Amino acid sequence: MWARTFGSVQTVAMSTNPSAALAVIADHVERYHEQVADLVPQYQSDDQGDMINALVESERALRQAARLLRKAAKTANGAHGA
């Protein structure tokens, strides 16, 4: 088990299984995606186009990141089990 510190936040490896670790990371990224998506409506009423565009782009990037992490988890599961 290892720990890494980012500023004041410390992360700890939850598993020695790469597939499980990647799946947990994907879950977190999906939650961030949802949180960003929830911010969009509050800026639509103020007609803040630049902010909306930045949030929508971030939302898409997080969705893609979650998909790629899930794909990596499946790939790692196959490689780890071999």
C-alpha atoms as a PDB file:
ATOM      1  CA  MET A   1       0.000   0.000   0.000  1.00  0.00           C
ATOM      2  CA  TRP A   2       1.305   3.480  -0.823  1.00  0.00           C
ATOM      3  CA  ALA A   3       0.288   7.047  -0.122  1.00  0.00           C
ATOM      4  CA  ARG A   4       0.788  10.199  -2.156  1.00  0.00           C
ATOM      5  CA  THR A   5       0.218  13.745  -0.994  1.00  0.00           C
ATOM      6  CA  PHE A   6      -1.207  16.458  -3.269  1.00  0.00           C
ATOM      7  CA  GLY A   7      -1.126  19.734  -1.402  1.00  0.00           C
ATOM      8  CA  SER A   8      -3.091  19.035   1.766  1.00  0.00           C
ATOM      9  CA  VAL A   9      -4.877  15.969   0.353  1.00  0.00           C
ATOM     10  CA  GLN A  10      -3.426  12.518   0.798  1.00  0.00           C
ATOM     11  CA  THR A  11      -4.497   9.631  -1.389  1.00  0.00           C
ATOM     12  CA  VAL A  12      -3.930   6.001  -0.490  1.00  0.00           C
ATOM     13  CA  ALA A  13      -3.895   3.073  -2.865  1.00  0.00           C
ATOM     14  CA  MET A  14      -6.996   1.056  -2.079  1.00  0.00           C
ATOM     15  CA  SER A  15      -6.047  -2.165  -3.769  1.00  0.00           C
ATOM     16  CA  THR A  16      -3.136  -3.994  -5.287  1.00  0.00           C
ATOM     17  CA  ASN A  17      -5.508  -4.967  -8.093  1.00  0.00           C
ATOM     18  CA  PRO A  18      -5.117  -2.347 -10.870  1.00  0.00           C
ATOM     19  CA  SER A  19      -8.577  -3.107 -12.247  1.00  0.00           C
ATOM     20  CA  ALA A  20     -10.248  -2.382  -8.917  1.00  0.00           C
ATOM     21  CA  ALA A  21      -8.225   0.790  -8.391  1.00  0.00           C
ATOM     22  CA  LEU A  22      -9.126   2.059 -11.878  1.00  0.00           C
ATOM     23  CA  ALA A  23     -12.807   1.283 -11.319  1.00  0.00           C
ATOM     24  CA  VAL A  24     -12.772   3.337  -8.108  1.00  0.00           C
ATOM     25  CA  ILE A  25     -11.083   6.229  -9.906  1.00  0.00           C
ATOM     26  CA  ALA A  26     -13.694   5.995 -12.690  1.00  0.00           C
ATOM     27  CA  ASP A  27     -16.457   6.203 -10.048  1.00  0.00           C
ATOM     28  CA  HIS A  28     -14.912   9.388  -8.667  1.00  0.00           C
ATOM     29  CA  VAL A  29     -14.544  10.931 -12.115  1.00  0.00           C
ATOM     30  CA  GLU A  30     -18.187  10.102 -12.880  1.00  0.00           C
ATOM     31  CA  ARG A  31     -19.206  11.899  -9.692  1.00  0.00           C
ATOM     32  CA  TYR A  32     -17.178  14.954 -10.729  1.00  0.00           C
ATOM     33  CA  HIS A  33     -18.873  14.809 -14.138  1.00  0.00           C
ATOM     34  CA  GLU A  34     -22.281  14.910 -12.441  1.00  0.00           C
ATOM     35  CA  GLN A  35     -21.238  17.778 -10.171  1.00  0.00           C
ATOM     36  CA  VAL A  36     -20.043  19.852 -13.125  1.00  0.00           C
ATOM     37  CA  ALA A  37     -23.242  19.095 -15.046  1.00  0.00           C
ATOM     38  CA  ASP A  38     -25.272  20.282 -12.048  1.00  0.00           C
ATOM     39  CA  LEU A  39     -23.536  23.679 -12.217  1.00  0.00           C
ATOM     40  CA  VAL A  40     -24.604  24.462 -15.803  1.00  0.00           C
ATOM     41  CA  PRO A  41     -28.243  25.505 -15.125  1.00  0.00           C
ATOM     42  CA  GLN A  42     -27.313  28.237 -12.659  1.00  0.00           C
ATOM     43  CA  TYR A  43     -25.258  29.991 -15.354  1.00  0.00           C
ATOM     44  CA  GLN A  44     -27.873  29.589 -18.107  1.00  0.00           C
ATOM     45  CA  SER A  45     -30.211  32.034 -16.400  1.00  0.00           C
ATOM     46  CA  ASP A  46     -27.463  34.674 -16.327  1.00  0.00           C
ATOM     47  CA  ASP A  47     -26.588  34.125 -20.003  1.00  0.00           C
ATOM     48  CA  GLN A  48     -22.892  33.566 -19.259  1.00  0.00           C
ATOM     49  CA  GLY A  49     -21.895  31.865 -22.487  1.00  0.00           C
ATOM     50  CA  ASP A  50     -18.173  31.575 -21.779  1.00  0.00           C
ATOM     51  CA  MET A  51     -18.789  29.916 -18.427  1.00  0.00           C
ATOM     52  CA  ILE A  52     -21.394  27.554 -19.875  1.00  0.00           C
ATOM     53  CA  ASN A  53     -19.036  26.571 -22.701  1.00  0.00           C
ATOM     54  CA  ALA A  54     -16.209  25.892 -20.249  1.00  0.00           C
ATOM     55  CA  LEU A  55     -18.476  23.768 -18.046  1.00  0.00           C
ATOM     56  CA  VAL A  56     -19.893  21.805 -20.987  1.00  0.00           C
ATOM     57  CA  GLU A  57     -16.382  21.120 -22.319  1.00  0.00           C
ATOM     58  CA  SER A  58     -15.279  20.026 -18.847  1.00  0.00           C
ATOM     59  CA  GLU A  59     -18.329  17.799 -18.549  1.00  0.00           C
ATOM     60  CA  ARG A  60     -17.524  16.109 -21.864  1.00  0.00           C
ATOM     61  CA  ALA A  61     -13.867  15.638 -20.911  1.00  0.00           C
ATOM     62  CA  LEU A  62     -14.806  14.068 -17.588  1.00  0.00           C
ATOM     63  CA  ARG A  63     -17.325  11.754 -19.273  1.00  0.00           C
ATOM     64  CA  GLN A  64     -14.639  10.654 -21.751  1.00  0.00           C
ATOM     65  CA  ALA A  65     -12.105  10.202 -18.951  1.00  0.00           C
ATOM     66  CA  ALA A  66     -14.542   7.980 -17.041  1.00  0.00           C
ATOM     67  CA  ARG A  67     -15.137   5.851 -20.152  1.00  0.00           C
ATOM     68  CA  LEU A  68     -11.412   5.466 -20.750  1.00  0.00           C
ATOM     69  CA  LEU A  69     -10.805   4.557 -17.118  1.00  0.00           C
ATOM     70  CA  ARG A  70     -13.526   1.885 -17.312  1.00  0.00           C
ATOM     71  CA  LYS A  71     -11.898   0.547 -20.476  1.00  0.00           C
ATOM     72  CA  ALA A  72      -8.508   0.513 -18.751  1.00  0.00           C
ATOM     73  CA  ALA A  73     -10.049  -1.309 -15.764  1.00  0.00           C
ATOM     74  CA  LYS A  74     -11.453  -4.000 -18.058  1.00  0.00           C
ATOM     75  CA  THR A  75      -8.127  -4.310 -19.848  1.00  0.00           C
ATOM     76  CA  ALA A  76      -6.238  -4.495 -16.540  1.00  0.00           C
ATOM     77  CA  ASN A  77      -8.663  -7.125 -15.295  1.00  0.00           C
ATOM     78  CA  GLY A  78      -7.822  -9.305 -18.285  1.00  0.00           C
ATOM     79  CA  ALA A  79      -4.092  -8.690 -17.950  1.00  0.00           C
ATOM     80  CA  HIS A  80      -4.115  -9.129 -14.161  1.00  0.00           C
ATOM     81  CA  GLY A  81      -5.996 -12.408 -14.385  1.00  0.00           C
ATOM     82  CA  ALA A  82      -3.705 -13.842 -17.073  1.00  0.00           C
END
